[in-house]
Amino acid sequence: MGDEYRIIGTYVDAPLTWAVSAGKGSVHSSLDTLQGSTVGVSRLGSGSHIMAIVMGEERGWLSGEQAVPFSFAPLKDFKGLRDGVNSGAADVFMWETFMSKVLFSDLEKKNFFF
């Protein structure tokens, strides 16, 4: 089975940096409290979805092949994710910081970002 494919190169040399954002009045103030929470994602299978699972794995929250440390709420786009953490549809969301730097700067002033 391992002979069916192989890595021939690297497209990205450095990993992306992801921000974890919560809404106004969130009970979450650190990553340590997120296990079992609802993570907003743009869509299932997206970067925001996969990186949340990677974060859970890095923190030791996966306890088997099918274990998932969060429930997921597909919320379509950045506006949907931002609105979702403020409406309670999601506890947090992850978004790549470089692509949303301008938006996060505005959000920090409104206590969306941690």
N, C-alpha and C. Protein backbone atom coordinates (compact mmCIF):
# COMPACT_ATOMS: atom_id res chain seq x y z
N MET A 1 0.82 -1.19 0.00
CA MET A 1 0.00 0.00 0.00
C MET A 1 0.86 1.26 0.00
N GLY A 2 1.96 1.29 0.74
CA GLY A 2 2.82 2.44 0.80
C GLY A 2 3.51 2.75 -0.52
N ASP A 3 3.52 1.81 -1.45
CA ASP A 3 4.15 2.03 -2.74
C ASP A 3 3.25 2.78 -3.72
N GLU A 4 2.01 3.09 -3.34
CA GLU A 4 1.07 3.73 -4.23
C GLU A 4 1.32 5.22 -4.39
N TYR A 5 2.06 5.82 -3.50
CA TYR A 5 2.31 7.25 -3.57
C TYR A 5 3.62 7.57 -2.86
N ARG A 6 4.17 8.73 -3.16
CA ARG A 6 5.39 9.17 -2.48
C ARG A 6 5.46 10.69 -2.51
N ILE A 7 6.15 11.27 -1.57
CA ILE A 7 6.36 12.71 -1.53
C ILE A 7 7.52 13.04 -2.46
N ILE A 8 7.30 14.00 -3.35
CA ILE A 8 8.35 14.37 -4.29
C ILE A 8 8.91 15.77 -4.03
N GLY A 9 8.30 16.53 -3.13
CA GLY A 9 8.80 17.86 -2.82
C GLY A 9 7.94 18.54 -1.78
N THR A 10 8.32 19.75 -1.45
CA THR A 10 7.60 20.54 -0.46
C THR A 10 7.16 21.84 -1.11
N TYR A 11 5.91 22.19 -0.97
CA TYR A 11 5.38 23.42 -1.54
C TYR A 11 5.53 24.58 -0.55
N VAL A 12 5.32 24.34 0.73
CA VAL A 12 5.42 25.36 1.76
C VAL A 12 6.52 24.96 2.73
N ASP A 13 7.49 25.82 2.92
CA ASP A 13 8.61 25.50 3.80
C ASP A 13 8.35 25.79 5.27
N ALA A 14 7.44 26.70 5.57
CA ALA A 14 7.15 27.06 6.95
C ALA A 14 5.67 26.86 7.22
N PRO A 15 5.33 26.41 8.42
CA PRO A 15 3.91 26.23 8.74
C PRO A 15 3.19 27.58 8.86
N LEU A 16 1.92 27.55 8.60
CA LEU A 16 1.10 28.75 8.80
C LEU A 16 0.86 28.96 10.29
N THR A 17 0.62 30.18 10.67
CA THR A 17 0.30 30.50 12.05
C THR A 17 -1.20 30.72 12.14
N TRP A 18 -1.84 30.01 13.06
CA TRP A 18 -3.29 30.08 13.21
C TRP A 18 -3.63 30.78 14.51
N ALA A 19 -4.59 31.68 14.45
CA ALA A 19 -5.10 32.35 15.64
C ALA A 19 -6.34 31.59 16.12
N VAL A 20 -6.53 31.54 17.41
CA VAL A 20 -7.73 30.97 17.99
C VAL A 20 -8.51 32.13 18.59
N SER A 21 -9.72 32.33 18.11
CA SER A 21 -10.51 33.49 18.51
C SER A 21 -11.79 33.09 19.20
N ALA A 22 -12.16 33.86 20.20
CA ALA A 22 -13.40 33.65 20.96
C ALA A 22 -14.22 34.93 20.89
N GLY A 23 -15.48 34.82 21.21
CA GLY A 23 -16.38 35.97 21.17
C GLY A 23 -16.35 36.79 22.45
N LYS A 24 -17.07 37.88 22.41
CA LYS A 24 -17.19 38.74 23.59
C LYS A 24 -17.82 37.93 24.72
N GLY A 25 -17.28 38.06 25.90
CA GLY A 25 -17.84 37.39 27.06
C GLY A 25 -17.57 35.89 27.11
N SER A 26 -16.65 35.40 26.32
CA SER A 26 -16.35 33.97 26.30
C SER A 26 -15.78 33.51 27.64
N VAL A 27 -16.09 32.27 28.01
CA VAL A 27 -15.51 31.67 29.21
C VAL A 27 -14.10 31.18 28.94
N HIS A 28 -13.68 31.15 27.68
CA HIS A 28 -12.36 30.65 27.32
C HIS A 28 -11.35 31.78 27.27
N SER A 29 -10.27 31.61 28.04
CA SER A 29 -9.21 32.60 28.02
C SER A 29 -7.86 31.98 27.70
N SER A 30 -7.83 30.66 27.48
CA SER A 30 -6.60 29.98 27.09
C SER A 30 -6.97 28.71 26.32
N LEU A 31 -5.99 28.15 25.64
CA LEU A 31 -6.22 26.92 24.89
C LEU A 31 -6.55 25.75 25.81
N ASP A 32 -6.09 25.78 27.04
CA ASP A 32 -6.28 24.67 27.98
C ASP A 32 -7.74 24.37 28.27
N THR A 33 -8.63 25.33 28.05
CA THR A 33 -10.04 25.13 28.39
C THR A 33 -10.90 24.67 27.20
N LEU A 34 -10.28 24.46 26.05
CA LEU A 34 -11.05 24.22 24.83
C LEU A 34 -11.50 22.78 24.60
N GLN A 35 -10.91 21.81 25.27
CA GLN A 35 -11.31 20.42 25.02
C GLN A 35 -12.80 20.25 25.26
N GLY A 36 -13.48 19.65 24.28
CA GLY A 36 -14.91 19.42 24.38
C GLY A 36 -15.77 20.59 23.94
N SER A 37 -15.15 21.68 23.54
CA SER A 37 -15.91 22.85 23.11
C SER A 37 -16.35 22.72 21.65
N THR A 38 -17.11 23.69 21.18
CA THR A 38 -17.55 23.72 19.79
C THR A 38 -16.66 24.69 19.03
N VAL A 39 -16.04 24.19 17.97
CA VAL A 39 -15.15 25.01 17.15
C VAL A 39 -15.87 25.34 15.85
N GLY A 40 -15.95 26.62 15.55
CA GLY A 40 -16.51 27.05 14.27
C GLY A 40 -15.49 26.81 13.17
N VAL A 41 -15.95 26.28 12.05
CA VAL A 41 -15.08 26.04 10.89
C VAL A 41 -15.78 26.60 9.66
N SER A 42 -14.99 26.94 8.66
CA SER A 42 -15.61 27.43 7.43
C SER A 42 -16.40 26.32 6.76
N ARG A 43 -15.80 25.15 6.68
CA ARG A 43 -16.48 23.95 6.19
C ARG A 43 -15.72 22.74 6.70
N LEU A 44 -16.36 21.60 6.79
CA LEU A 44 -15.68 20.39 7.21
C LEU A 44 -14.64 20.04 6.16
N GLY A 45 -13.43 19.72 6.59
CA GLY A 45 -12.33 19.42 5.69
C GLY A 45 -11.46 20.63 5.37
N SER A 46 -11.85 21.81 5.82
CA SER A 46 -11.09 23.04 5.57
C SER A 46 -9.88 23.11 6.48
N GLY A 47 -9.04 24.10 6.25
CA GLY A 47 -7.88 24.31 7.11
C GLY A 47 -8.28 24.56 8.55
N SER A 48 -9.32 25.34 8.76
CA SER A 48 -9.76 25.63 10.12
C SER A 48 -10.23 24.37 10.84
N HIS A 49 -10.81 23.44 10.12
CA HIS A 49 -11.26 22.17 10.68
C HIS A 49 -10.06 21.27 11.00
N ILE A 50 -9.17 21.10 10.01
CA ILE A 50 -8.02 20.22 10.18
C ILE A 50 -7.09 20.74 11.28
N MET A 51 -6.85 22.05 11.31
CA MET A 51 -5.93 22.60 12.31
C MET A 51 -6.49 22.49 13.73
N ALA A 52 -7.79 22.53 13.88
CA ALA A 52 -8.37 22.31 15.21
C ALA A 52 -8.09 20.88 15.67
N ILE A 53 -8.20 19.92 14.77
CA ILE A 53 -7.89 18.54 15.13
C ILE A 53 -6.40 18.39 15.44
N VAL A 54 -5.55 19.03 14.66
CA VAL A 54 -4.10 19.00 14.92
C VAL A 54 -3.81 19.60 16.29
N MET A 55 -4.45 20.71 16.63
CA MET A 55 -4.26 21.32 17.94
C MET A 55 -4.66 20.34 19.05
N GLY A 56 -5.78 19.66 18.86
CA GLY A 56 -6.22 18.68 19.85
C GLY A 56 -5.23 17.53 19.98
N GLU A 57 -4.69 17.09 18.87
CA GLU A 57 -3.70 16.02 18.90
C GLU A 57 -2.43 16.47 19.61
N GLU A 58 -1.96 17.67 19.31
CA GLU A 58 -0.76 18.19 19.96
C GLU A 58 -0.94 18.34 21.47
N ARG A 59 -2.16 18.58 21.90
CA ARG A 59 -2.43 18.75 23.33
C ARG A 59 -2.76 17.43 24.02
N GLY A 60 -2.76 16.33 23.25
CA GLY A 60 -3.00 15.01 23.84
C GLY A 60 -4.47 14.70 24.09
N TRP A 61 -5.38 15.35 23.36
CA TRP A 61 -6.81 15.18 23.58
C TRP A 61 -7.42 14.09 22.71
N LEU A 62 -6.65 13.47 21.85
CA LEU A 62 -7.18 12.37 21.04
C LEU A 62 -6.91 11.07 21.77
N SER A 63 -7.91 10.24 21.89
CA SER A 63 -7.74 9.00 22.64
C SER A 63 -8.10 7.77 21.82
N GLY A 64 -7.90 7.82 20.53
CA GLY A 64 -8.19 6.70 19.65
C GLY A 64 -8.28 7.19 18.23
N GLU A 65 -8.31 6.29 17.28
CA GLU A 65 -8.31 6.69 15.88
C GLU A 65 -9.51 7.56 15.50
N GLN A 66 -10.66 7.33 16.08
CA GLN A 66 -11.85 8.08 15.71
C GLN A 66 -12.16 9.22 16.67
N ALA A 67 -11.34 9.38 17.70
CA ALA A 67 -11.62 10.41 18.70
C ALA A 67 -11.45 11.81 18.12
N VAL A 68 -12.35 12.70 18.45
CA VAL A 68 -12.29 14.10 18.03
C VAL A 68 -12.45 14.94 19.30
N PRO A 69 -11.54 15.88 19.53
CA PRO A 69 -11.58 16.63 20.79
C PRO A 69 -12.63 17.74 20.85
N PHE A 70 -13.32 17.99 19.73
CA PHE A 70 -14.28 19.09 19.66
C PHE A 70 -15.51 18.64 18.89
N SER A 71 -16.59 19.41 19.03
CA SER A 71 -17.66 19.33 18.04
C SER A 71 -17.41 20.50 17.08
N PHE A 72 -17.94 20.39 15.88
CA PHE A 72 -17.65 21.40 14.86
C PHE A 72 -18.95 22.00 14.33
N ALA A 73 -18.91 23.31 14.11
CA ALA A 73 -20.04 24.05 13.55
C ALA A 73 -19.59 24.71 12.25
N PRO A 74 -20.00 24.18 11.08
CA PRO A 74 -19.65 24.83 9.81
C PRO A 74 -20.39 26.17 9.68
N LEU A 75 -19.62 27.25 9.56
CA LEU A 75 -20.21 28.60 9.55
C LEU A 75 -19.82 29.42 8.31
N LYS A 76 -19.29 28.78 7.31
CA LYS A 76 -19.06 29.30 5.95
C LYS A 76 -17.87 30.23 5.78
N ASP A 77 -17.89 31.42 6.32
CA ASP A 77 -16.84 32.39 6.02
C ASP A 77 -16.43 33.13 7.29
N PHE A 78 -15.49 34.06 7.14
CA PHE A 78 -14.99 34.77 8.32
C PHE A 78 -16.11 35.49 9.07
N LYS A 79 -17.00 36.13 8.35
CA LYS A 79 -18.12 36.82 9.00
C LYS A 79 -18.99 35.81 9.76
N GLY A 80 -19.28 34.67 9.15
CA GLY A 80 -20.07 33.65 9.83
C GLY A 80 -19.38 33.13 11.07
N LEU A 81 -18.06 32.97 11.02
CA LEU A 81 -17.30 32.51 12.18
C LEU A 81 -17.31 33.57 13.29
N ARG A 82 -17.08 34.81 12.91
CA ARG A 82 -17.09 35.90 13.89
C ARG A 82 -18.46 36.02 14.54
N ASP A 83 -19.50 36.01 13.72
CA ASP A 83 -20.85 36.09 14.27
C ASP A 83 -21.17 34.87 15.12
N GLY A 84 -20.66 33.72 14.71
CA GLY A 84 -20.93 32.47 15.43
C GLY A 84 -20.39 32.45 16.84
N VAL A 85 -19.18 33.01 17.05
CA VAL A 85 -18.64 33.02 18.42
C VAL A 85 -19.36 34.04 19.30
N ASN A 86 -20.01 35.00 18.69
CA ASN A 86 -20.76 35.97 19.49
C ASN A 86 -22.21 35.57 19.72
N SER A 87 -22.73 34.68 18.88
CA SER A 87 -24.11 34.22 19.06
C SER A 87 -24.20 32.94 19.88
N GLY A 88 -23.06 32.28 20.10
CA GLY A 88 -23.05 31.01 20.82
C GLY A 88 -23.10 29.80 19.91
N ALA A 89 -23.11 30.00 18.59
CA ALA A 89 -23.09 28.87 17.66
C ALA A 89 -21.76 28.11 17.74
N ALA A 90 -20.70 28.80 18.16
CA ALA A 90 -19.39 28.19 18.35
C ALA A 90 -18.71 28.87 19.53
N ASP A 91 -17.83 28.13 20.19
CA ASP A 91 -17.06 28.72 21.29
C ASP A 91 -15.87 29.51 20.77
N VAL A 92 -15.19 28.94 19.78
CA VAL A 92 -14.00 29.56 19.20
C VAL A 92 -13.94 29.21 17.72
N PHE A 93 -13.04 29.87 17.00
CA PHE A 93 -12.71 29.46 15.65
C PHE A 93 -11.23 29.73 15.41
N MET A 94 -10.68 29.02 14.44
CA MET A 94 -9.28 29.21 14.06
C MET A 94 -9.25 29.77 12.64
N TRP A 95 -8.35 30.74 12.43
CA TRP A 95 -8.18 31.33 11.11
C TRP A 95 -6.72 31.70 10.96
N GLU A 96 -6.18 31.52 9.79
CA GLU A 96 -4.76 31.80 9.55
C GLU A 96 -4.52 33.30 9.72
N THR A 97 -3.52 33.67 10.53
CA THR A 97 -3.35 35.06 10.93
C THR A 97 -2.90 35.98 9.78
N PHE A 98 -2.05 35.52 8.89
CA PHE A 98 -1.58 36.39 7.81
C PHE A 98 -2.72 36.85 6.92
N MET A 99 -3.62 35.94 6.57
CA MET A 99 -4.73 36.27 5.68
C MET A 99 -5.77 37.17 6.34
N SER A 100 -5.77 37.23 7.64
CA SER A 100 -6.80 38.00 8.34
C SER A 100 -6.21 39.06 9.26
N LYS A 101 -4.95 39.42 9.04
CA LYS A 101 -4.28 40.35 9.94
C LYS A 101 -5.06 41.66 10.14
N VAL A 102 -5.55 42.23 9.06
CA VAL A 102 -6.32 43.48 9.17
C VAL A 102 -7.59 43.25 9.99
N LEU A 103 -8.27 42.17 9.73
CA LEU A 103 -9.50 41.88 10.46
C LEU A 103 -9.23 41.62 11.93
N PHE A 104 -8.17 40.88 12.23
CA PHE A 104 -7.85 40.60 13.63
C PHE A 104 -7.45 41.86 14.36
N SER A 105 -6.79 42.78 13.70
CA SER A 105 -6.44 44.04 14.36
C SER A 105 -7.69 44.75 14.85
N ASP A 106 -8.72 44.79 14.01
CA ASP A 106 -9.98 45.40 14.43
C ASP A 106 -10.64 44.59 15.54
N LEU A 107 -10.56 43.27 15.45
CA LEU A 107 -11.22 42.42 16.44
C LEU A 107 -10.56 42.53 17.80
N GLU A 108 -9.24 42.68 17.85
CA GLU A 108 -8.57 42.78 19.13
C GLU A 108 -9.14 43.94 19.96
N LYS A 109 -9.47 45.02 19.28
CA LYS A 109 -10.02 46.18 19.98
C LYS A 109 -11.39 45.87 20.58
N LYS A 110 -12.06 44.84 20.07
CA LYS A 110 -13.40 44.48 20.53
C LYS A 110 -13.40 43.21 21.37
N ASN A 111 -12.22 42.74 21.80
CA ASN A 111 -12.07 41.57 22.67
C ASN A 111 -12.53 40.27 22.02
N PHE A 112 -12.31 40.12 20.72
CA PHE A 112 -12.63 38.88 20.06
C PHE A 112 -11.47 37.90 20.08
N PHE A 113 -10.27 38.38 20.27
CA PHE A 113 -9.06 37.62 19.95
C PHE A 113 -8.35 37.16 21.23
N PHE A 114 -7.93 35.89 21.24
CA PHE A 114 -7.01 35.47 22.31
C PHE A 114 -5.98 34.54 21.78
